[in-house]
């Protein structure tokens, strides 16, 4: 079995009106049809597929080329957690 050089980030999913909504902790999301969801949930996604490219661009997949951008997005999204509170 070939080792992938990318990771599908942990995601939540729900079924809405015949499609699957995938979302992750970074705020990335996308709607998938049944076949696409089956491909993602079974981790049989091919790197040369259109689905891979779409999920990669939306931030649901990480690899060595986009990990810095994803980390930066996470820091921005949770910036309030990394500073002290200022009440006065």
PDB file of N, CA and C in Angstrom:
ATOM      1  N   UNK A   1       0.841  -1.180   0.000  1.00  0.00           N
ATOM      2  CA  UNK A   1       0.000   0.000   0.000  1.00  0.00           C
ATOM      3  C   UNK A   1       0.886   1.243   0.000  1.00  0.00           C
ATOM      4  N   UNK A   2       0.564   2.194  -0.865  1.00  0.00           N
ATOM      5  CA  UNK A   2       1.341   3.409  -0.983  1.00  0.00           C
ATOM      6  C   UNK A   2       0.977   4.405   0.113  1.00  0.00           C
ATOM      7  N   UNK A   3       1.976   5.025   0.680  1.00  0.00           N
ATOM      8  CA  UNK A   3       1.768   6.033   1.714  1.00  0.00           C
ATOM      9  C   UNK A   3       1.440   7.369   1.051  1.00  0.00           C
ATOM     10  N   UNK A   4       0.387   8.042   1.551  1.00  0.00           N
ATOM     11  CA  UNK A   4       0.007   9.349   1.019  1.00  0.00           C
ATOM     12  C   UNK A   4       0.917  10.426   1.575  1.00  0.00           C
ATOM     13  N   UNK A   5       1.182  11.453   0.782  1.00  0.00           N
ATOM     14  CA  UNK A   5       1.966  12.580   1.264  1.00  0.00           C
ATOM     15  C   UNK A   5       1.063  13.772   1.565  1.00  0.00           C
ATOM     16  N   UNK A   6      -0.197  13.478   1.861  1.00  0.00           N
ATOM     17  CA  UNK A   6      -1.148  14.503   2.276  1.00  0.00           C
ATOM     18  C   UNK A   6      -2.024  13.923   3.382  1.00  0.00           C
ATOM     19  N   UNK A   7      -2.738  14.815   4.070  1.00  0.00           N
ATOM     20  CA  UNK A   7      -3.626  14.374   5.149  1.00  0.00           C
ATOM     21  C   UNK A   7      -4.987  15.027   4.979  1.00  0.00           C
ATOM     22  N   UNK A   8      -6.021  14.234   5.136  1.00  0.00           N
ATOM     23  CA  UNK A   8      -7.373  14.777   5.206  1.00  0.00           C
ATOM     24  C   UNK A   8      -7.559  15.186   6.661  1.00  0.00           C
ATOM     25  N   UNK A   9      -7.751  16.471   6.885  1.00  0.00           N
ATOM     26  CA  UNK A   9      -7.876  16.967   8.247  1.00  0.00           C
ATOM     27  C   UNK A   9      -9.137  16.408   8.904  1.00  0.00           C
ATOM     28  N   UNK A  10      -9.117  16.229  10.220  1.00  0.00           N
ATOM     29  CA  UNK A  10     -10.316  15.722  10.912  1.00  0.00           C
ATOM     30  C   UNK A  10     -11.523  16.601  10.578  1.00  0.00           C
ATOM     31  N   UNK A  11     -12.633  15.963  10.300  1.00  0.00           N
ATOM     32  CA  UNK A  11     -13.811  16.705   9.871  1.00  0.00           C
ATOM     33  C   UNK A  11     -15.069  16.183  10.548  1.00  0.00           C
ATOM     34  N   UNK A  12     -16.065  17.031  10.571  1.00  0.00           N
ATOM     35  CA  UNK A  12     -17.413  16.661  10.977  1.00  0.00           C
ATOM     36  C   UNK A  12     -18.252  16.606   9.713  1.00  0.00           C
ATOM     37  N   UNK A  13     -19.290  15.804   9.738  1.00  0.00           N
ATOM     38  CA  UNK A  13     -20.154  15.725   8.565  1.00  0.00           C
ATOM     39  C   UNK A  13     -21.602  15.588   9.003  1.00  0.00           C
ATOM     40  N   UNK A  14     -22.475  16.088   8.154  1.00  0.00           N
ATOM     41  CA  UNK A  14     -23.908  15.930   8.362  1.00  0.00           C
ATOM     42  C   UNK A  14     -24.580  15.857   7.000  1.00  0.00           C
ATOM     43  N   UNK A  15     -25.699  15.174   6.942  1.00  0.00           N
ATOM     44  CA  UNK A  15     -26.435  14.961   5.701  1.00  0.00           C
ATOM     45  C   UNK A  15     -27.547  15.995   5.612  1.00  0.00           C
ATOM     46  N   UNK A  16     -27.504  16.846   4.579  1.00  0.00           N
ATOM     47  CA  UNK A  16     -28.489  17.903   4.408  1.00  0.00           C
ATOM     48  C   UNK A  16     -29.005  17.880   2.969  1.00  0.00           C
ATOM     49  N   UNK A  17     -30.283  17.647   2.815  1.00  0.00           N
ATOM     50  CA  UNK A  17     -30.940  17.695   1.503  1.00  0.00           C
ATOM     51  C   UNK A  17     -30.200  16.907   0.420  1.00  0.00           C
ATOM     52  N   UNK A  18     -29.827  15.685   0.736  1.00  0.00           N
ATOM     53  CA  UNK A  18     -29.211  14.805  -0.247  1.00  0.00           C
ATOM     54  C   UNK A  18     -27.717  14.987  -0.468  1.00  0.00           C
ATOM     55  N   UNK A  19     -27.087  15.861   0.299  1.00  0.00           N
ATOM     56  CA  UNK A  19     -25.643  16.073   0.180  1.00  0.00           C
ATOM     57  C   UNK A  19     -25.019  16.061   1.560  1.00  0.00           C
ATOM     58  N   UNK A  20     -23.723  15.820   1.599  1.00  0.00           N
ATOM     59  CA  UNK A  20     -22.985  15.794   2.862  1.00  0.00           C
ATOM     60  C   UNK A  20     -22.229  17.100   3.036  1.00  0.00           C
ATOM     61  N   UNK A  21     -22.399  17.720   4.192  1.00  0.00           N
ATOM     62  CA  UNK A  21     -21.647  18.910   4.537  1.00  0.00           C
ATOM     63  C   UNK A  21     -20.455  18.475   5.378  1.00  0.00           C
ATOM     64  N   UNK A  22     -19.259  18.769   4.895  1.00  0.00           N
ATOM     65  CA  UNK A  22     -18.026  18.506   5.641  1.00  0.00           C
ATOM     66  C   UNK A  22     -17.513  19.829   6.179  1.00  0.00           C
ATOM     67  N   UNK A  23     -17.098  19.843   7.434  1.00  0.00           N
ATOM     68  CA  UNK A  23     -16.495  21.044   8.012  1.00  0.00           C
ATOM     69  C   UNK A  23     -15.399  20.612   8.965  1.00  0.00           C
ATOM     70  N   UNK A  24     -14.441  21.523   9.197  1.00  0.00           N
ATOM     71  CA  UNK A  24     -13.356  21.193  10.125  1.00  0.00           C
ATOM     72  C   UNK A  24     -13.118  22.333  11.094  1.00  0.00           C
ATOM     73  N   UNK A  25     -12.170  22.168  11.992  1.00  0.00           N
ATOM     74  CA  UNK A  25     -11.870  23.140  13.033  1.00  0.00           C
ATOM     75  C   UNK A  25     -11.336  24.454  12.484  1.00  0.00           C
ATOM     76  N   UNK A  26     -10.867  24.456  11.259  1.00  0.00           N
ATOM     77  CA  UNK A  26     -10.308  25.664  10.660  1.00  0.00           C
ATOM     78  C   UNK A  26     -11.375  26.523   9.995  1.00  0.00           C
ATOM     79  N   UNK A  27     -12.616  26.062  10.004  1.00  0.00           N
ATOM     80  CA  UNK A  27     -13.689  26.811   9.372  1.00  0.00           C
ATOM     81  C   UNK A  27     -13.883  26.466   7.910  1.00  0.00           C
ATOM     82  N   UNK A  28     -13.127  25.522   7.405  1.00  0.00           N
ATOM     83  CA  UNK A  28     -13.267  25.098   6.009  1.00  0.00           C
ATOM     84  C   UNK A  28     -14.488  24.185   5.887  1.00  0.00           C
ATOM     85  N   UNK A  29     -15.180  24.275   4.742  1.00  0.00           N
ATOM     86  CA  UNK A  29     -16.343  23.428   4.529  1.00  0.00           C
ATOM     87  C   UNK A  29     -16.579  23.220   3.041  1.00  0.00           C
ATOM     88  N   UNK A  30     -17.341  22.175   2.745  1.00  0.00           N
ATOM     89  CA  UNK A  30     -17.741  21.891   1.368  1.00  0.00           C
ATOM     90  C   UNK A  30     -18.882  20.886   1.390  1.00  0.00           C
ATOM     91  N   UNK A  31     -19.709  20.931   0.356  1.00  0.00           N
ATOM     92  CA  UNK A  31     -20.769  19.943   0.174  1.00  0.00           C
ATOM     93  C   UNK A  31     -20.285  18.874  -0.784  1.00  0.00           C
ATOM     94  N   UNK A  32     -20.543  17.613  -0.430  1.00  0.00           N
ATOM     95  CA  UNK A  32     -20.140  16.470  -1.257  1.00  0.00           C
ATOM     96  C   UNK A  32     -21.346  15.611  -1.573  1.00  0.00           C
ATOM     97  N   UNK A  33     -21.338  14.994  -2.751  1.00  0.00           N
ATOM     98  CA  UNK A  33     -22.376  14.016  -3.038  1.00  0.00           C
ATOM     99  C   UNK A  33     -21.987  12.684  -2.392  1.00  0.00           C
ATOM    100  N   UNK A  34     -22.848  11.705  -2.532  1.00  0.00           N
ATOM    101  CA  UNK A  34     -22.640  10.422  -1.840  1.00  0.00           C
ATOM    102  C   UNK A  34     -21.320   9.745  -2.241  1.00  0.00           C
ATOM    103  N   UNK A  35     -21.009   9.735  -3.538  1.00  0.00           N
ATOM    104  CA  UNK A  35     -19.780   9.085  -4.010  1.00  0.00           C
ATOM    105  C   UNK A  35     -18.534   9.821  -3.522  1.00  0.00           C
ATOM    106  N   UNK A  36     -18.571  11.144  -3.563  1.00  0.00           N
ATOM    107  CA  UNK A  36     -17.428  11.928  -3.081  1.00  0.00           C
ATOM    108  C   UNK A  36     -17.216  11.707  -1.594  1.00  0.00           C
ATOM    109  N   UNK A  37     -18.323  11.680  -0.840  1.00  0.00           N
ATOM    110  CA  UNK A  37     -18.210  11.451   0.601  1.00  0.00           C
ATOM    111  C   UNK A  37     -17.634  10.071   0.890  1.00  0.00           C
ATOM    112  N   UNK A  38     -18.058   9.082   0.139  1.00  0.00           N
ATOM    113  CA  UNK A  38     -17.545   7.722   0.318  1.00  0.00           C
ATOM    114  C   UNK A  38     -16.035   7.684   0.059  1.00  0.00           C
ATOM    115  N   UNK A  39     -15.604   8.405  -0.963  1.00  0.00           N
ATOM    116  CA  UNK A  39     -14.186   8.469  -1.312  1.00  0.00           C
ATOM    117  C   UNK A  39     -13.360   9.129  -0.197  1.00  0.00           C
ATOM    118  N   UNK A  40     -13.883  10.226   0.356  1.00  0.00           N
ATOM    119  CA  UNK A  40     -13.168  10.939   1.424  1.00  0.00           C
ATOM    120  C   UNK A  40     -13.177  10.133   2.716  1.00  0.00           C
ATOM    121  N   UNK A  41     -14.321   9.610   3.104  1.00  0.00           N
ATOM    122  CA  UNK A  41     -14.419   8.903   4.380  1.00  0.00           C
ATOM    123  C   UNK A  41     -13.673   7.568   4.389  1.00  0.00           C
ATOM    124  N   UNK A  42     -13.436   6.998   3.216  1.00  0.00           N
ATOM    125  CA  UNK A  42     -12.663   5.750   3.149  1.00  0.00           C
ATOM    126  C   UNK A  42     -11.176   6.021   2.906  1.00  0.00           C
ATOM    127  N   UNK A  43     -10.798   7.301   2.847  1.00  0.00           N
ATOM    128  CA  UNK A  43      -9.411   7.726   2.630  1.00  0.00           C
ATOM    129  C   UNK A  43      -8.816   7.137   1.350  1.00  0.00           C
ATOM    130  N   UNK A  44      -9.653   7.017   0.320  1.00  0.00           N
ATOM    131  CA  UNK A  44      -9.175   6.508  -0.963  1.00  0.00           C
ATOM    132  C   UNK A  44      -9.081   7.627  -1.996  1.00  0.00           C
ATOM    133  N   UNK A  45      -8.899   8.829  -1.537  1.00  0.00           N
ATOM    134  CA  UNK A  45      -8.808  10.006  -2.395  1.00  0.00           C
ATOM    135  C   UNK A  45      -7.492   9.990  -3.156  1.00  0.00           C
ATOM    136  N   UNK A  46      -7.583  10.224  -4.462  1.00  0.00           N
ATOM    137  CA  UNK A  46      -6.382  10.269  -5.297  1.00  0.00           C
ATOM    138  C   UNK A  46      -5.925  11.711  -5.455  1.00  0.00           C
ATOM    139  N   UNK A  47      -4.630  11.929  -5.430  1.00  0.00           N
ATOM    140  CA  UNK A  47      -4.072  13.273  -5.491  1.00  0.00           C
ATOM    141  C   UNK A  47      -4.292  13.948  -6.839  1.00  0.00           C
ATOM    142  N   UNK A  48      -4.516  13.188  -7.880  1.00  0.00           N
ATOM    143  CA  UNK A  48      -4.717  13.773  -9.210  1.00  0.00           C
ATOM    144  C   UNK A  48      -6.191  14.012  -9.541  1.00  0.00           C
ATOM    145  N   UNK A  49      -7.097  13.835  -8.574  1.00  0.00           N
ATOM    146  CA  UNK A  49      -8.523  14.004  -8.851  1.00  0.00           C
ATOM    147  C   UNK A  49      -8.977  15.451  -8.650  1.00  0.00           C
ATOM    148  N   UNK A  50     -10.084  15.794  -9.278  1.00  0.00           N
ATOM    149  CA  UNK A  50     -10.671  17.128  -9.121  1.00  0.00           C
ATOM    150  C   UNK A  50     -11.172  17.341  -7.694  1.00  0.00           C
ATOM    151  N   UNK A  51     -11.672  16.283  -7.075  1.00  0.00           N
ATOM    152  CA  UNK A  51     -12.139  16.379  -5.694  1.00  0.00           C
ATOM    153  C   UNK A  51     -10.995  16.736  -4.760  1.00  0.00           C
ATOM    154  N   UNK A  52      -9.843  16.114  -4.961  1.00  0.00           N
ATOM    155  CA  UNK A  52      -8.670  16.440  -4.143  1.00  0.00           C
ATOM    156  C   UNK A  52      -8.330  17.922  -4.279  1.00  0.00           C
ATOM    157  N   UNK A  53      -8.271  18.414  -5.501  1.00  0.00           N
ATOM    158  CA  UNK A  53      -7.919  19.819  -5.753  1.00  0.00           C
ATOM    159  C   UNK A  53      -8.918  20.756  -5.070  1.00  0.00           C
ATOM    160  N   UNK A  54     -10.207  20.430  -5.169  1.00  0.00           N
ATOM    161  CA  UNK A  54     -11.243  21.271  -4.550  1.00  0.00           C
ATOM    162  C   UNK A  54     -11.110  21.301  -3.029  1.00  0.00           C
ATOM    163  N   UNK A  55     -10.929  20.143  -2.413  1.00  0.00           N
ATOM    164  CA  UNK A  55     -10.793  20.079  -0.959  1.00  0.00           C
ATOM    165  C   UNK A  55      -9.485  20.699  -0.489  1.00  0.00           C
ATOM    166  N   UNK A  56      -8.443  20.577  -1.294  1.00  0.00           N
ATOM    167  CA  UNK A  56      -7.151  21.180  -0.985  1.00  0.00           C
ATOM    168  C   UNK A  56      -7.268  22.702  -0.958  1.00  0.00           C
ATOM    169  N   UNK A  57      -7.905  23.276  -1.963  1.00  0.00           N
ATOM    170  CA  UNK A  57      -8.055  24.723  -2.056  1.00  0.00           C
ATOM    171  C   UNK A  57      -8.929  25.278  -0.939  1.00  0.00           C
ATOM    172  N   UNK A  58      -9.889  24.488  -0.481  1.00  0.00           N
ATOM    173  CA  UNK A  58     -10.783  24.953   0.579  1.00  0.00           C
ATOM    174  C   UNK A  58     -10.184  24.754   1.970  1.00  0.00           C
ATOM    175  N   UNK A  59      -9.108  23.999   2.089  1.00  0.00           N
ATOM    176  CA  UNK A  59      -8.462  23.808   3.381  1.00  0.00           C
ATOM    177  C   UNK A  59      -8.910  22.591   4.154  1.00  0.00           C
ATOM    178  N   UNK A  60      -9.489  21.621   3.474  1.00  0.00           N
ATOM    179  CA  UNK A  60      -9.876  20.370   4.126  1.00  0.00           C
ATOM    180  C   UNK A  60      -8.782  19.311   4.026  1.00  0.00           C
ATOM    181  N   UNK A  61      -7.778  19.576   3.202  1.00  0.00           N
ATOM    182  CA  UNK A  61      -6.641  18.681   3.026  1.00  0.00           C
ATOM    183  C   UNK A  61      -5.363  19.470   3.271  1.00  0.00           C
ATOM    184  N   UNK A  62      -4.430  18.847   3.964  1.00  0.00           N
ATOM    185  CA  UNK A  62      -3.145  19.496   4.247  1.00  0.00           C
ATOM    186  C   UNK A  62      -2.009  18.682   3.649  1.00  0.00           C
ATOM    187  N   UNK A  63      -1.005  19.405   3.162  1.00  0.00           N
ATOM    188  CA  UNK A  63       0.247  18.784   2.755  1.00  0.00           C
ATOM    189  C   UNK A  63       1.377  19.769   3.033  1.00  0.00           C
ATOM    190  N   UNK A  64       2.567  19.429   2.623  1.00  0.00           N
ATOM    191  CA  UNK A  64       3.725  20.266   2.958  1.00  0.00           C
ATOM    192  C   UNK A  64       3.667  21.645   2.314  1.00  0.00           C
ATOM    193  N   UNK A  65       2.900  21.790   1.243  1.00  0.00           N
ATOM    194  CA  UNK A  65       2.832  23.070   0.542  1.00  0.00           C
ATOM    195  C   UNK A  65       1.848  24.059   1.151  1.00  0.00           C
ATOM    196  N   UNK A  66       0.796  23.575   1.824  1.00  0.00           N
ATOM    197  CA  UNK A  66      -0.195  24.508   2.356  1.00  0.00           C
ATOM    198  C   UNK A  66      -0.309  24.509   3.879  1.00  0.00           C
ATOM    199  N   UNK A  67       0.550  23.776   4.561  1.00  0.00           N
ATOM    200  CA  UNK A  67       0.425  23.682   6.014  1.00  0.00           C
ATOM    201  C   UNK A  67       0.663  25.028   6.694  1.00  0.00           C
ATOM    202  N   UNK A  68       1.588  25.817   6.187  1.00  0.00           N
ATOM    203  CA  UNK A  68       1.838  27.133   6.787  1.00  0.00           C
ATOM    204  C   UNK A  68       0.620  28.045   6.648  1.00  0.00           C
ATOM    205  N   UNK A  69      -0.038  28.011   5.499  1.00  0.00           N
ATOM    206  CA  UNK A  69      -1.243  28.818   5.301  1.00  0.00           C
ATOM    207  C   UNK A  69      -2.355  28.374   6.234  1.00  0.00           C
ATOM    208  N   UNK A  70      -2.517  27.064   6.408  1.00  0.00           N
ATOM    209  CA  UNK A  70      -3.549  26.552   7.292  1.00  0.00           C
ATOM    210  C   UNK A  70      -3.273  26.939   8.746  1.00  0.00           C
ATOM    211  N   UNK A  71      -2.011  26.866   9.152  1.00  0.00           N
ATOM    212  CA  UNK A  71      -1.660  27.268  10.513  1.00  0.00           C
ATOM    213  C   UNK A  71      -1.898  28.754  10.732  1.00  0.00           C
ATOM    214  N   UNK A  72      -1.574  29.550   9.749  1.00  0.00           N
ATOM    215  CA  UNK A  72      -1.815  30.994   9.830  1.00  0.00           C
ATOM    216  C   UNK A  72      -3.314  31.286   9.929  1.00  0.00           C
ATOM    217  N   UNK A  73      -4.106  30.590   9.133  1.00  0.00           N
ATOM    218  CA  UNK A  73      -5.559  30.756   9.203  1.00  0.00           C
ATOM    219  C   UNK A  73      -6.085  30.366  10.580  1.00  0.00           C
ATOM    220  N   UNK A  74      -5.548  29.295  11.154  1.00  0.00           N
ATOM    221  CA  UNK A  74      -5.972  28.856  12.482  1.00  0.00           C
ATOM    222  C   UNK A  74      -5.617  29.904  13.531  1.00  0.00           C
ATOM    223  N   UNK A  75      -4.400  30.442  13.447  1.00  0.00           N
ATOM    224  CA  UNK A  75      -3.997  31.481  14.395  1.00  0.00           C
ATOM    225  C   UNK A  75      -4.896  32.708  14.288  1.00  0.00           C
ATOM    226  N   UNK A  76      -5.224  33.108  13.086  1.00  0.00           N
ATOM    227  CA  UNK A  76      -6.094  34.264  12.886  1.00  0.00           C
ATOM    228  C   UNK A  76      -7.500  34.009  13.430  1.00  0.00           C
ATOM    229  N   UNK A  77      -8.012  32.814  13.172  1.00  0.00           N
ATOM    230  CA  UNK A  77      -9.349  32.453  13.619  1.00  0.00           C
ATOM    231  C   UNK A  77      -9.441  32.433  15.146  1.00  0.00           C
ATOM    232  N   UNK A  78      -8.362  32.025  15.800  1.00  0.00           N
ATOM    233  CA  UNK A  78      -8.351  31.898  17.260  1.00  0.00           C
ATOM    234  C   UNK A  78      -7.412  32.889  17.932  1.00  0.00           C
ATOM    235  N   UNK A  79      -7.227  34.044  17.329  1.00  0.00           N
ATOM    236  CA  UNK A  79      -6.292  35.039  17.860  1.00  0.00           C
ATOM    237  C   UNK A  79      -6.643  35.452  19.280  1.00  0.00           C
ATOM    238  N   UNK A  80      -7.921  35.471  19.601  1.00  0.00           N
ATOM    239  CA  UNK A  80      -8.320  35.864  20.949  1.00  0.00           C
ATOM    240  C   UNK A  80      -7.847  34.884  22.024  1.00  0.00           C
ATOM    241  N   UNK A  81      -7.500  33.685  21.665  1.00  0.00           N
ATOM    242  CA  UNK A  81      -7.029  32.697  22.639  1.00  0.00           C
ATOM    243  C   UNK A  81      -5.556  32.859  22.978  1.00  0.00           C
ATOM    244  N   UNK A  82      -4.825  33.604  22.163  1.00  0.00           N
ATOM    245  CA  UNK A  82      -3.392  33.720  22.340  1.00  0.00           C
ATOM    246  C   UNK A  82      -2.956  35.040  22.972  1.00  0.00           C
ATOM    247  N   UNK A  83      -3.908  35.849  23.420  1.00  0.00           N
ATOM    248  CA  UNK A  83      -3.596  37.111  24.081  1.00  0.00           C
ATOM    249  C   UNK A  83      -4.347  37.195  25.398  1.00  0.00           C
ATOM    250  N   UNK A  84      -3.829  38.030  26.288  1.00  0.00           N
ATOM    251  CA  UNK A  84      -4.502  38.230  27.590  1.00  0.00           C
ATOM    252  C   UNK A  84      -5.785  39.015  27.383  1.00  0.00           C
ATOM    253  N   UNK A  85      -6.668  38.859  28.339  1.00  0.00           N
ATOM    254  CA  UNK A  85      -7.894  39.654  28.287  1.00  0.00           C
ATOM    255  C   UNK A  85      -7.601  41.095  28.687  1.00  0.00           C
ATOM    256  N   UNK A  86      -8.357  42.006  28.155  1.00  0.00           N
ATOM    257  CA  UNK A  86      -8.179  43.427  28.527  1.00  0.00           C
ATOM    258  C   UNK A  86      -9.557  43.968  28.910  1.00  0.00           C
ATOM    259  N   UNK A  87      -9.791  44.030  30.193  1.00  0.00           N
ATOM    260  CA  UNK A  87     -11.077  44.494  30.668  1.00  0.00           C
ATOM    261  C   UNK A  87     -11.117  46.004  30.823  1.00  0.00           C
ATOM    262  N   UNK A  88      -9.983  46.619  31.083  1.00  0.00           N
ATOM    263  CA  UNK A  88      -9.965  48.074  31.327  1.00  0.00           C
ATOM    264  C   UNK A  88      -8.930  48.740  30.456  1.00  0.00           C
TER     265      UNK A  88
END
